[in-house]
Amino acid sequence: MKHFRIFLYIAAVLLAYLPATAQIQATLKMDRALYVSHEPITGTLTIINRAGQDLVFGDSGRLSWLDFTVTDGRGNMVTPVQHHLNERPIVLSSGQTYEHEVTVNRYYPMANIGTYRVRASVSFPQINRVFQTTTQSIQVTEGQAMWNQIVGVPQGHVGAGSYREYSLMTFYHGARSRALYFRLKNSDSGVVYRTYPIGDYMSLRKPTHAIDKQNQLHVLHMSGPQRYKYTVINIEGDPVTQENFYEKGANRPQLDTTSYGEVSVIGGISELEMATPYEETEFRLLSDRPAGLPNF
């Protein structure tokens, strides 16, 4: 009889918590199944409030409301590089759906080639509950190297006098989708600072590249039929310019470097020029005539 009462008590406690598991619906969807080593591994965490009341998600003591469980291909736990995720608190109204962009390898080292499994945990301190998403599997691999160049860091920049390496590589996102990637790393230590795609890539024409007098990288690559993308990347690895150019008949855009180390695109036609009406480029207003010309 005593054991039966204990069983009823445990069952009652479990039943009391069953509705709580439906109070929050949390799902994690990764942006892709394949990633290049060192690029941001991103996804979307979707949270739906079914509690019938407003809910507050915030840090409780030293614990964040969001955490991840990451395992490698052998099932070993991946240790985070820092324990506190520093996610900002949020308030969910009753019935509200909240989408939160996440970058998992901001906190968990996932640069090694292989398979990883990721699961998100959402903590709700008000009822001392944790809601977990289903596990997502991703593959981390390496792109196909195309070009690399070591450059010095100019004065006025962090790390002036040291050397960094620019790299370009290609990577298939799927069976048909191919992208051109940029990577920046410390040429001495090998530490990778940035890795990211700079645009879709067509292999019909190889990318062209040039380095200007500020040691910025200029890249012009074919991103679609008769379409090219022009990207300028500074010494910190940030893209400072991105612009589309198009072929104009047999005239294709190309990079031009002056003797002063200035780089620009010549030939073709820019996206801005394509959007400008013909009348604005071929005709001028009468008021634009230089003073002194005779009127007919």
C-alpha atoms as a PDB file:
ATOM      1  CA  MET A   1       0.000   0.000   0.000  1.00  0.00           C
ATOM      2  CA  LYS A   2       2.838   2.356   0.903  1.00  0.00           C
ATOM      3  CA  HIS A   3       4.567   1.707  -2.414  1.00  0.00           C
ATOM      4  CA  PHE A   4       1.281   2.268  -4.226  1.00  0.00           C
ATOM      5  CA  ARG A   5       0.837   5.694  -2.585  1.00  0.00           C
ATOM      6  CA  ILE A   6       4.377   6.619  -3.596  1.00  0.00           C
ATOM      7  CA  PHE A   7       3.582   5.563  -7.146  1.00  0.00           C
ATOM      8  CA  LEU A   8       0.423   7.728  -7.184  1.00  0.00           C
ATOM      9  CA  TYR A   9       2.400  10.701  -5.873  1.00  0.00           C
ATOM     10  CA  ILE A  10       5.056  10.356  -8.572  1.00  0.00           C
ATOM     11  CA  ALA A  11       2.381   9.952 -11.240  1.00  0.00           C
ATOM     12  CA  ALA A  12       0.587  13.071 -10.000  1.00  0.00           C
ATOM     13  CA  VAL A  13       3.801  15.086 -10.167  1.00  0.00           C
ATOM     14  CA  LEU A  14       4.490  13.876 -13.689  1.00  0.00           C
ATOM     15  CA  LEU A  15       0.948  14.650 -14.812  1.00  0.00           C
ATOM     16  CA  ALA A  16       1.248  18.121 -13.353  1.00  0.00           C
ATOM     17  CA  TYR A  17       4.267  18.773 -15.538  1.00  0.00           C
ATOM     18  CA  LEU A  18       2.893  17.231 -18.747  1.00  0.00           C
ATOM     19  CA  PRO A  19       1.009  20.382 -19.810  1.00  0.00           C
ATOM     20  CA  ALA A  20       4.170  22.390 -19.187  1.00  0.00           C
ATOM     21  CA  THR A  21       5.983  20.515 -21.927  1.00  0.00           C
ATOM     22  CA  ALA A  22       3.430  21.870 -24.383  1.00  0.00           C
ATOM     23  CA  GLN A  23       3.719  25.435 -23.105  1.00  0.00           C
ATOM     24  CA  ILE A  24       6.676  26.121 -25.349  1.00  0.00           C
ATOM     25  CA  GLN A  25       7.333  24.682 -28.784  1.00  0.00           C
ATOM     26  CA  ALA A  26      10.976  25.028 -29.768  1.00  0.00           C
ATOM     27  CA  THR A  27      12.437  23.960 -33.100  1.00  0.00           C
ATOM     28  CA  LEU A  28      15.908  24.408 -34.557  1.00  0.00           C
ATOM     29  CA  LYS A  29      16.506  24.509 -38.306  1.00  0.00           C
ATOM     30  CA  MET A  30      20.025  24.869 -39.647  1.00  0.00           C
ATOM     31  CA  ASP A  31      20.447  27.018 -42.750  1.00  0.00           C
ATOM     32  CA  ARG A  32      22.281  24.264 -44.602  1.00  0.00           C
ATOM     33  CA  ALA A  33      23.452  20.696 -44.142  1.00  0.00           C
ATOM     34  CA  LEU A  34      26.969  21.456 -45.478  1.00  0.00           C
ATOM     35  CA  TYR A  35      29.382  24.113 -44.259  1.00  0.00           C
ATOM     36  CA  VAL A  36      32.941  25.125 -45.059  1.00  0.00           C
ATOM     37  CA  SER A  37      35.364  24.826 -42.156  1.00  0.00           C
ATOM     38  CA  HIS A  38      35.540  28.088 -40.149  1.00  0.00           C
ATOM     39  CA  GLU A  39      32.522  29.721 -41.779  1.00  0.00           C
ATOM     40  CA  PRO A  40      29.600  30.705 -39.502  1.00  0.00           C
ATOM     41  CA  ILE A  41      27.340  27.696 -38.824  1.00  0.00           C
ATOM     42  CA  THR A  42      23.966  29.381 -38.681  1.00  0.00           C
ATOM     43  CA  GLY A  43      20.359  28.439 -38.172  1.00  0.00           C
ATOM     44  CA  THR A  44      17.003  29.653 -36.889  1.00  0.00           C
ATOM     45  CA  LEU A  45      15.554  28.817 -33.478  1.00  0.00           C
ATOM     46  CA  THR A  46      11.758  29.149 -33.516  1.00  0.00           C
ATOM     47  CA  ILE A  47       9.893  29.441 -30.192  1.00  0.00           C
ATOM     48  CA  ILE A  48       6.090  29.429 -29.921  1.00  0.00           C
ATOM     49  CA  ASN A  49       4.406  30.493 -26.665  1.00  0.00           C
ATOM     50  CA  ARG A  50       1.440  28.188 -25.918  1.00  0.00           C
ATOM     51  CA  ALA A  51       1.312  28.902 -22.184  1.00  0.00           C
ATOM     52  CA  GLY A  52      -1.682  31.234 -22.334  1.00  0.00           C
ATOM     53  CA  GLN A  53       0.317  34.015 -20.677  1.00  0.00           C
ATOM     54  CA  ASP A  54       3.260  36.272 -21.413  1.00  0.00           C
ATOM     55  CA  LEU A  55       6.616  34.628 -20.794  1.00  0.00           C
ATOM     56  CA  VAL A  56       9.991  36.140 -20.012  1.00  0.00           C
ATOM     57  CA  PHE A  57      13.182  34.461 -21.165  1.00  0.00           C
ATOM     58  CA  GLY A  58      16.215  35.927 -19.474  1.00  0.00           C
ATOM     59  CA  ASP A  59      19.473  35.060 -17.826  1.00  0.00           C
ATOM     60  CA  SER A  60      19.110  33.366 -14.458  1.00  0.00           C
ATOM     61  CA  GLY A  61      22.214  33.984 -12.411  1.00  0.00           C
ATOM     62  CA  ARG A  62      25.120  32.917 -14.596  1.00  0.00           C
ATOM     63  CA  LEU A  63      22.988  30.702 -16.866  1.00  0.00           C
ATOM     64  CA  SER A  64      21.699  31.835 -20.268  1.00  0.00           C
ATOM     65  CA  TRP A  65      18.173  31.038 -21.435  1.00  0.00           C
ATOM     66  CA  LEU A  66      19.704  29.460 -24.561  1.00  0.00           C
ATOM     67  CA  ASP A  67      22.272  26.690 -24.713  1.00  0.00           C
ATOM     68  CA  PHE A  68      23.377  24.007 -27.148  1.00  0.00           C
ATOM     69  CA  THR A  69      24.472  20.411 -27.003  1.00  0.00           C
ATOM     70  CA  VAL A  70      27.016  19.628 -29.722  1.00  0.00           C
ATOM     71  CA  THR A  71      28.548  16.220 -30.402  1.00  0.00           C
ATOM     72  CA  ASP A  72      31.042  15.160 -33.046  1.00  0.00           C
ATOM     73  CA  GLY A  73      30.845  12.180 -35.410  1.00  0.00           C
ATOM     74  CA  ARG A  74      32.050   9.809 -32.678  1.00  0.00           C
ATOM     75  CA  GLY A  75      29.418  10.985 -30.225  1.00  0.00           C
ATOM     76  CA  ASN A  76      31.878  12.956 -28.089  1.00  0.00           C
ATOM     77  CA  MET A  77      30.633  16.157 -26.482  1.00  0.00           C
ATOM     78  CA  VAL A  78      32.143  19.347 -27.901  1.00  0.00           C
ATOM     79  CA  THR A  79      33.231  21.689 -25.096  1.00  0.00           C
ATOM     80  CA  PRO A  80      32.181  25.339 -25.553  1.00  0.00           C
ATOM     81  CA  VAL A  81      34.874  27.975 -25.797  1.00  0.00           C
ATOM     82  CA  GLN A  82      32.904  30.050 -23.303  1.00  0.00           C
ATOM     83  CA  HIS A  83      30.128  28.943 -20.988  1.00  0.00           C
ATOM     84  CA  HIS A  84      27.922  32.037 -21.074  1.00  0.00           C
ATOM     85  CA  LEU A  85      26.183  32.664 -24.401  1.00  0.00           C
ATOM     86  CA  ASN A  86      25.154  36.235 -23.520  1.00  0.00           C
ATOM     87  CA  GLU A  87      21.851  36.006 -25.377  1.00  0.00           C
ATOM     88  CA  ARG A  88      19.688  39.046 -24.754  1.00  0.00           C
ATOM     89  CA  PRO A  89      16.478  38.504 -22.707  1.00  0.00           C
ATOM     90  CA  ILE A  90      13.198  38.278 -24.631  1.00  0.00           C
ATOM     91  CA  VAL A  91       9.514  38.600 -23.804  1.00  0.00           C
ATOM     92  CA  LEU A  92       6.986  36.409 -25.635  1.00  0.00           C
ATOM     93  CA  SER A  93       3.336  37.413 -25.619  1.00  0.00           C
ATOM     94  CA  SER A  94       0.771  34.666 -25.399  1.00  0.00           C
ATOM     95  CA  GLY A  95       0.575  32.851 -28.730  1.00  0.00           C
ATOM     96  CA  GLN A  96       3.549  34.740 -30.154  1.00  0.00           C
ATOM     97  CA  THR A  97       6.095  33.078 -32.444  1.00  0.00           C
ATOM     98  CA  TYR A  98       9.679  34.238 -32.061  1.00  0.00           C
ATOM     99  CA  GLU A  99      12.485  33.494 -34.520  1.00  0.00           C
ATOM    100  CA  HIS A 100      16.026  33.816 -33.229  1.00  0.00           C
ATOM    101  CA  GLU A 101      19.045  33.652 -35.539  1.00  0.00           C
ATOM    102  CA  VAL A 102      21.837  31.565 -34.012  1.00  0.00           C
ATOM    103  CA  THR A 103      25.504  30.990 -34.861  1.00  0.00           C
ATOM    104  CA  VAL A 104      26.468  27.763 -33.127  1.00  0.00           C
ATOM    105  CA  ASN A 105      30.225  27.860 -33.711  1.00  0.00           C
ATOM    106  CA  ARG A 106      30.436  31.272 -32.101  1.00  0.00           C
ATOM    107  CA  TYR A 107      30.559  29.315 -28.844  1.00  0.00           C
ATOM    108  CA  TYR A 108      31.458  25.754 -29.885  1.00  0.00           C
ATOM    109  CA  PRO A 109      34.626  24.878 -31.850  1.00  0.00           C
ATOM    110  CA  MET A 110      33.457  23.092 -35.008  1.00  0.00           C
ATOM    111  CA  ALA A 111      36.296  23.725 -37.462  1.00  0.00           C
ATOM    112  CA  ASN A 112      37.442  20.097 -37.698  1.00  0.00           C
ATOM    113  CA  ILE A 113      36.243  18.226 -40.771  1.00  0.00           C
ATOM    114  CA  GLY A 114      33.431  15.797 -39.996  1.00  0.00           C
ATOM    115  CA  THR A 115      29.835  15.384 -38.872  1.00  0.00           C
ATOM    116  CA  TYR A 116      28.280  17.275 -35.965  1.00  0.00           C
ATOM    117  CA  ARG A 117      24.947  16.954 -34.216  1.00  0.00           C
ATOM    118  CA  VAL A 118      23.376  20.039 -32.699  1.00  0.00           C
ATOM    119  CA  ARG A 119      20.476  20.426 -30.279  1.00  0.00           C
ATOM    120  CA  ALA A 120      19.238  23.650 -28.682  1.00  0.00           C
ATOM    121  CA  SER A 121      17.929  23.964 -25.118  1.00  0.00           C
ATOM    122  CA  VAL A 122      15.627  26.787 -24.030  1.00  0.00           C
ATOM    123  CA  SER A 123      15.431  27.493 -20.293  1.00  0.00           C
ATOM    124  CA  PHE A 124      12.303  28.909 -18.648  1.00  0.00           C
ATOM    125  CA  PRO A 125      13.339  29.913 -15.085  1.00  0.00           C
ATOM    126  CA  GLN A 126       9.787  30.850 -14.022  1.00  0.00           C
ATOM    127  CA  ILE A 127       8.799  27.180 -13.903  1.00  0.00           C
ATOM    128  CA  ASN A 128      12.325  25.782 -13.742  1.00  0.00           C
ATOM    129  CA  ARG A 129      11.899  23.929 -17.034  1.00  0.00           C
ATOM    130  CA  VAL A 130      14.168  23.312 -20.014  1.00  0.00           C
ATOM    131  CA  PHE A 131      12.715  22.665 -23.475  1.00  0.00           C
ATOM    132  CA  GLN A 132      14.896  20.914 -26.049  1.00  0.00           C
ATOM    133  CA  THR A 133      14.704  20.822 -29.825  1.00  0.00           C
ATOM    134  CA  THR A 134      15.231  17.770 -31.972  1.00  0.00           C
ATOM    135  CA  THR A 135      18.817  17.058 -33.006  1.00  0.00           C
ATOM    136  CA  GLN A 136      20.084  18.469 -36.307  1.00  0.00           C
ATOM    137  CA  SER A 137      22.997  16.911 -38.224  1.00  0.00           C
ATOM    138  CA  ILE A 138      25.439  18.950 -40.297  1.00  0.00           C
ATOM    139  CA  GLN A 139      28.623  18.206 -42.210  1.00  0.00           C
ATOM    140  CA  VAL A 140      31.734  20.401 -42.069  1.00  0.00           C
ATOM    141  CA  THR A 141      34.156  20.071 -44.957  1.00  0.00           C
ATOM    142  CA  GLU A 142      36.769  22.109 -46.809  1.00  0.00           C
ATOM    143  CA  GLY A 143      36.421  24.072 -50.008  1.00  0.00           C
ATOM    144  CA  GLN A 144      38.520  23.678 -53.141  1.00  0.00           C
ATOM    145  CA  ALA A 145      41.469  26.094 -52.948  1.00  0.00           C
ATOM    146  CA  MET A 146      41.938  28.413 -55.937  1.00  0.00           C
ATOM    147  CA  TRP A 147      44.347  31.193 -54.928  1.00  0.00           C
ATOM    148  CA  ASN A 148      46.142  32.676 -51.934  1.00  0.00           C
ATOM    149  CA  GLN A 149      48.362  35.692 -51.278  1.00  0.00           C
ATOM    150  CA  ILE A 150      50.241  36.925 -48.188  1.00  0.00           C
ATOM    151  CA  VAL A 151      50.040  40.675 -47.498  1.00  0.00           C
ATOM    152  CA  GLY A 152      51.296  42.946 -44.754  1.00  0.00           C
ATOM    153  CA  VAL A 153      49.005  44.828 -42.395  1.00  0.00           C
ATOM    154  CA  PRO A 154      49.437  48.574 -43.079  1.00  0.00           C
ATOM    155  CA  GLN A 155      50.087  51.162 -40.395  1.00  0.00           C
ATOM    156  CA  GLY A 156      46.959  52.421 -38.654  1.00  0.00           C
ATOM    157  CA  HIS A 157      45.386  48.964 -38.479  1.00  0.00           C
ATOM    158  CA  VAL A 158      45.339  46.464 -35.619  1.00  0.00           C
ATOM    159  CA  GLY A 159      48.304  44.140 -36.044  1.00  0.00           C
ATOM    160  CA  ALA A 160      50.276  46.609 -38.189  1.00  0.00           C
ATOM    161  CA  GLY A 161      53.538  45.054 -39.329  1.00  0.00           C
ATOM    162  CA  SER A 162      52.250  41.477 -39.176  1.00  0.00           C
ATOM    163  CA  TYR A 163      51.200  39.370 -42.163  1.00  0.00           C
ATOM    164  CA  ARG A 164      47.889  37.919 -43.239  1.00  0.00           C
ATOM    165  CA  GLU A 165      46.865  35.540 -45.975  1.00  0.00           C
ATOM    166  CA  TYR A 166      44.013  36.072 -48.402  1.00  0.00           C
ATOM    167  CA  SER A 167      42.494  32.923 -49.934  1.00  0.00           C
ATOM    168  CA  LEU A 168      39.787  32.172 -52.478  1.00  0.00           C
ATOM    169  CA  MET A 169      38.084  28.786 -52.707  1.00  0.00           C
ATOM    170  CA  THR A 170      34.965  27.254 -54.211  1.00  0.00           C
ATOM    171  CA  PHE A 171      32.375  25.073 -52.519  1.00  0.00           C
ATOM    172  CA  TYR A 172      29.225  23.243 -53.608  1.00  0.00           C
ATOM    173  CA  HIS A 173      26.236  24.072 -51.408  1.00  0.00           C
ATOM    174  CA  GLY A 174      24.240  21.417 -53.207  1.00  0.00           C
ATOM    175  CA  ALA A 175      24.215  19.363 -56.374  1.00  0.00           C
ATOM    176  CA  ARG A 176      24.133  22.472 -58.586  1.00  0.00           C
ATOM    177  CA  SER A 177      24.742  25.464 -56.337  1.00  0.00           C
ATOM    178  CA  ARG A 178      28.365  26.568 -56.202  1.00  0.00           C
ATOM    179  CA  ALA A 179      29.799  29.542 -54.302  1.00  0.00           C
ATOM    180  CA  LEU A 180      33.056  31.469 -54.224  1.00  0.00           C
ATOM    181  CA  TYR A 181      34.500  31.756 -50.704  1.00  0.00           C
ATOM    182  CA  PHE A 182      36.956  34.164 -49.107  1.00  0.00           C
ATOM    183  CA  ARG A 183      39.201  33.339 -46.156  1.00  0.00           C
ATOM    184  CA  LEU A 184      41.502  35.517 -44.056  1.00  0.00           C
ATOM    185  CA  LYS A 185      44.044  34.044 -41.679  1.00  0.00           C
ATOM    186  CA  ASN A 186      47.215  34.923 -39.803  1.00  0.00           C
ATOM    187  CA  SER A 187      50.040  33.721 -42.044  1.00  0.00           C
ATOM    188  CA  ASP A 188      52.340  33.026 -39.072  1.00  0.00           C
ATOM    189  CA  SER A 189      50.050  31.332 -36.550  1.00  0.00           C
ATOM    190  CA  GLY A 190      47.538  29.911 -39.032  1.00  0.00           C
ATOM    191  CA  VAL A 191      44.620  31.307 -37.004  1.00  0.00           C
ATOM    192  CA  VAL A 192      41.603  31.824 -39.272  1.00  0.00           C
ATOM    193  CA  TYR A 193      39.892  35.184 -38.790  1.00  0.00           C
ATOM    194  CA  ARG A 194      37.129  35.089 -41.381  1.00  0.00           C
ATOM    195  CA  THR A 195      35.594  32.589 -43.833  1.00  0.00           C
ATOM    196  CA  TYR A 196      32.454  33.379 -45.806  1.00  0.00           C
ATOM    197  CA  PRO A 197      30.898  33.154 -49.297  1.00  0.00           C
ATOM    198  CA  ILE A 198      31.093  36.268 -51.463  1.00  0.00           C
ATOM    199  CA  GLY A 199      28.585  35.073 -54.054  1.00  0.00           C
ATOM    200  CA  ASP A 200      27.362  32.394 -56.433  1.00  0.00           C
ATOM    201  CA  TYR A 201      30.055  31.153 -58.790  1.00  0.00           C
ATOM    202  CA  MET A 202      30.052  30.030 -62.420  1.00  0.00           C
ATOM    203  CA  SER A 203      33.194  28.226 -63.491  1.00  0.00           C
ATOM    204  CA  LEU A 204      32.881  29.343 -67.120  1.00  0.00           C
ATOM    205  CA  ARG A 205      35.369  32.116 -66.317  1.00  0.00           C
ATOM    206  CA  LYS A 206      37.929  32.091 -63.514  1.00  0.00           C
ATOM    207  CA  PRO A 207      37.789  34.878 -60.913  1.00  0.00           C
ATOM    208  CA  THR A 208      40.235  37.753 -61.327  1.00  0.00           C
ATOM    209  CA  HIS A 209      41.777  39.482 -58.328  1.00  0.00           C
ATOM    210  CA  ALA A 210      44.047  42.404 -57.513  1.00  0.00           C
ATOM    211  CA  ILE A 211      45.478  44.060 -54.400  1.00  0.00           C
ATOM    212  CA  ASP A 212      45.454  47.848 -54.162  1.00  0.00           C
ATOM    213  CA  LYS A 213      47.885  50.229 -52.448  1.00  0.00           C
ATOM    214  CA  GLN A 214      46.035  49.786 -49.127  1.00  0.00           C
ATOM    215  CA  ASN A 215      46.430  45.998 -49.405  1.00  0.00           C
ATOM    216  CA  GLN A 216      42.712  45.588 -49.946  1.00  0.00           C
ATOM    217  CA  LEU A 217      41.623  42.622 -52.059  1.00  0.00           C
ATOM    218  CA  HIS A 218      39.533  43.243 -55.184  1.00  0.00           C
ATOM    219  CA  VAL A 219      37.711  40.234 -56.667  1.00  0.00           C
ATOM    220  CA  LEU A 220      35.672  40.085 -59.865  1.00  0.00           C
ATOM    221  CA  HIS A 221      33.970  36.765 -60.553  1.00  0.00           C
ATOM    222  CA  MET A 222      31.229  35.411 -62.785  1.00  0.00           C
ATOM    223  CA  SER A 223      28.104  34.858 -60.695  1.00  0.00           C
ATOM    224  CA  GLY A 224      25.579  34.071 -63.434  1.00  0.00           C
ATOM    225  CA  PRO A 225      25.002  34.186 -67.198  1.00  0.00           C
ATOM    226  CA  GLN A 226      26.620  37.459 -68.388  1.00  0.00           C
ATOM    227  CA  ARG A 227      26.662  38.640 -64.746  1.00  0.00           C
ATOM    228  CA  TYR A 228      29.695  39.412 -62.558  1.00  0.00           C
ATOM    229  CA  LYS A 229      30.125  40.367 -58.915  1.00  0.00           C
ATOM    230  CA  TYR A 230      32.756  42.871 -57.852  1.00  0.00           C
ATOM    231  CA  THR A 231      33.864  42.671 -54.191  1.00  0.00           C
ATOM    232  CA  VAL A 232      36.382  44.764 -52.246  1.00  0.00           C
ATOM    233  CA  ILE A 233      37.609  43.279 -48.937  1.00  0.00           C
ATOM    234  CA  ASN A 234      39.705  45.234 -46.439  1.00  0.00           C
ATOM    235  CA  ILE A 235      42.643  43.989 -44.370  1.00  0.00           C
ATOM    236  CA  GLU A 236      40.284  43.043 -41.503  1.00  0.00           C
ATOM    237  CA  GLY A 237      38.431  40.699 -43.846  1.00  0.00           C
ATOM    238  CA  ASP A 238      35.293  42.832 -44.088  1.00  0.00           C
ATOM    239  CA  PRO A 239      33.587  43.327 -47.476  1.00  0.00           C
ATOM    240  CA  VAL A 240      33.485  47.115 -47.977  1.00  0.00           C
ATOM    241  CA  THR A 241      32.061  47.097 -51.518  1.00  0.00           C
ATOM    242  CA  GLN A 242      29.886  44.700 -53.500  1.00  0.00           C
ATOM    243  CA  GLU A 243      28.456  45.574 -56.898  1.00  0.00           C
ATOM    244  CA  ASN A 244      27.049  43.694 -59.888  1.00  0.00           C
ATOM    245  CA  PHE A 245      28.299  44.191 -63.446  1.00  0.00           C
ATOM    246  CA  TYR A 246      27.037  42.762 -66.729  1.00  0.00           C
ATOM    247  CA  GLU A 247      28.440  42.011 -70.145  1.00  0.00           C
ATOM    248  CA  LYS A 248      27.481  44.514 -72.825  1.00  0.00           C
ATOM    249  CA  GLY A 249      27.683  42.611 -76.057  1.00  0.00           C
ATOM    250  CA  ALA A 250      31.260  41.426 -76.439  1.00  0.00           C
ATOM    251  CA  ASN A 251      32.452  43.961 -73.877  1.00  0.00           C
ATOM    252  CA  ARG A 252      33.061  42.183 -70.561  1.00  0.00           C
ATOM    253  CA  PRO A 253      33.888  43.813 -67.213  1.00  0.00           C
ATOM    254  CA  GLN A 254      37.463  43.385 -65.995  1.00  0.00           C
ATOM    255  CA  LEU A 255      39.749  44.646 -63.251  1.00  0.00           C
ATOM    256  CA  ASP A 256      42.165  47.462 -64.041  1.00  0.00           C
ATOM    257  CA  THR A 257      45.124  48.438 -61.848  1.00  0.00           C
ATOM    258  CA  THR A 258      46.895  51.776 -62.294  1.00  0.00           C
ATOM    259  CA  SER A 259      50.578  52.451 -61.681  1.00  0.00           C
ATOM    260  CA  TYR A 260      49.519  54.164 -58.431  1.00  0.00           C
ATOM    261  CA  GLY A 261      47.999  50.951 -57.077  1.00  0.00           C
ATOM    262  CA  GLU A 262      44.380  51.954 -57.611  1.00  0.00           C
ATOM    263  CA  VAL A 263      41.980  49.220 -58.735  1.00  0.00           C
ATOM    264  CA  SER A 264      38.667  49.636 -60.545  1.00  0.00           C
ATOM    265  CA  VAL A 265      36.322  47.834 -62.938  1.00  0.00           C
ATOM    266  CA  ILE A 266      36.386  48.804 -66.589  1.00  0.00           C
ATOM    267  CA  GLY A 267      34.184  47.520 -69.394  1.00  0.00           C
ATOM    268  CA  GLY A 268      30.757  45.987 -69.267  1.00  0.00           C
ATOM    269  CA  ILE A 269      27.905  47.848 -67.654  1.00  0.00           C
ATOM    270  CA  SER A 270      27.114  48.337 -63.981  1.00  0.00           C
ATOM    271  CA  GLU A 271      23.791  47.494 -62.355  1.00  0.00           C
ATOM    272  CA  LEU A 272      23.224  51.200 -61.698  1.00  0.00           C
ATOM    273  CA  GLU A 273      23.739  52.012 -65.369  1.00  0.00           C
ATOM    274  CA  MET A 274      21.333  49.246 -66.387  1.00  0.00           C
ATOM    275  CA  ALA A 275      18.675  50.727 -64.118  1.00  0.00           C
ATOM    276  CA  THR A 276      19.105  54.222 -65.598  1.00  0.00           C
ATOM    277  CA  PRO A 277      16.564  54.960 -68.350  1.00  0.00           C
ATOM    278  CA  TYR A 278      17.966  55.350 -71.860  1.00  0.00           C
ATOM    279  CA  GLU A 279      16.648  58.916 -72.159  1.00  0.00           C
ATOM    280  CA  GLU A 280      18.638  60.024 -69.101  1.00  0.00           C
ATOM    281  CA  THR A 281      21.922  58.729 -70.527  1.00  0.00           C
ATOM    282  CA  GLU A 282      21.488  59.739 -74.198  1.00  0.00           C
ATOM    283  CA  PHE A 283      19.635  63.053 -73.932  1.00  0.00           C
ATOM    284  CA  ARG A 284      20.115  66.229 -71.881  1.00  0.00           C
ATOM    285  CA  LEU A 285      17.621  68.871 -70.806  1.00  0.00           C
ATOM    286  CA  LEU A 286      17.624  72.178 -72.620  1.00  0.00           C
ATOM    287  CA  SER A 287      18.516  73.853 -69.323  1.00  0.00           C
ATOM    288  CA  ASP A 288      21.752  71.824 -69.257  1.00  0.00           C
ATOM    289  CA  ARG A 289      23.082  73.650 -72.353  1.00  0.00           C
ATOM    290  CA  PRO A 290      26.234  75.673 -71.683  1.00  0.00           C
ATOM    291  CA  ALA A 291      25.599  79.425 -71.582  1.00  0.00           C
ATOM    292  CA  GLY A 292      26.263  81.370 -74.779  1.00  0.00           C
ATOM    293  CA  LEU A 293      25.239  78.690 -77.291  1.00  0.00           C
ATOM    294  CA  PRO A 294      22.839  79.914 -79.994  1.00  0.00           C
ATOM    295  CA  ASN A 295      19.187  78.897 -79.942  1.00  0.00           C
ATOM    296  CA  PHE A 296      17.788  77.368 -83.121  1.00  0.00           C
END
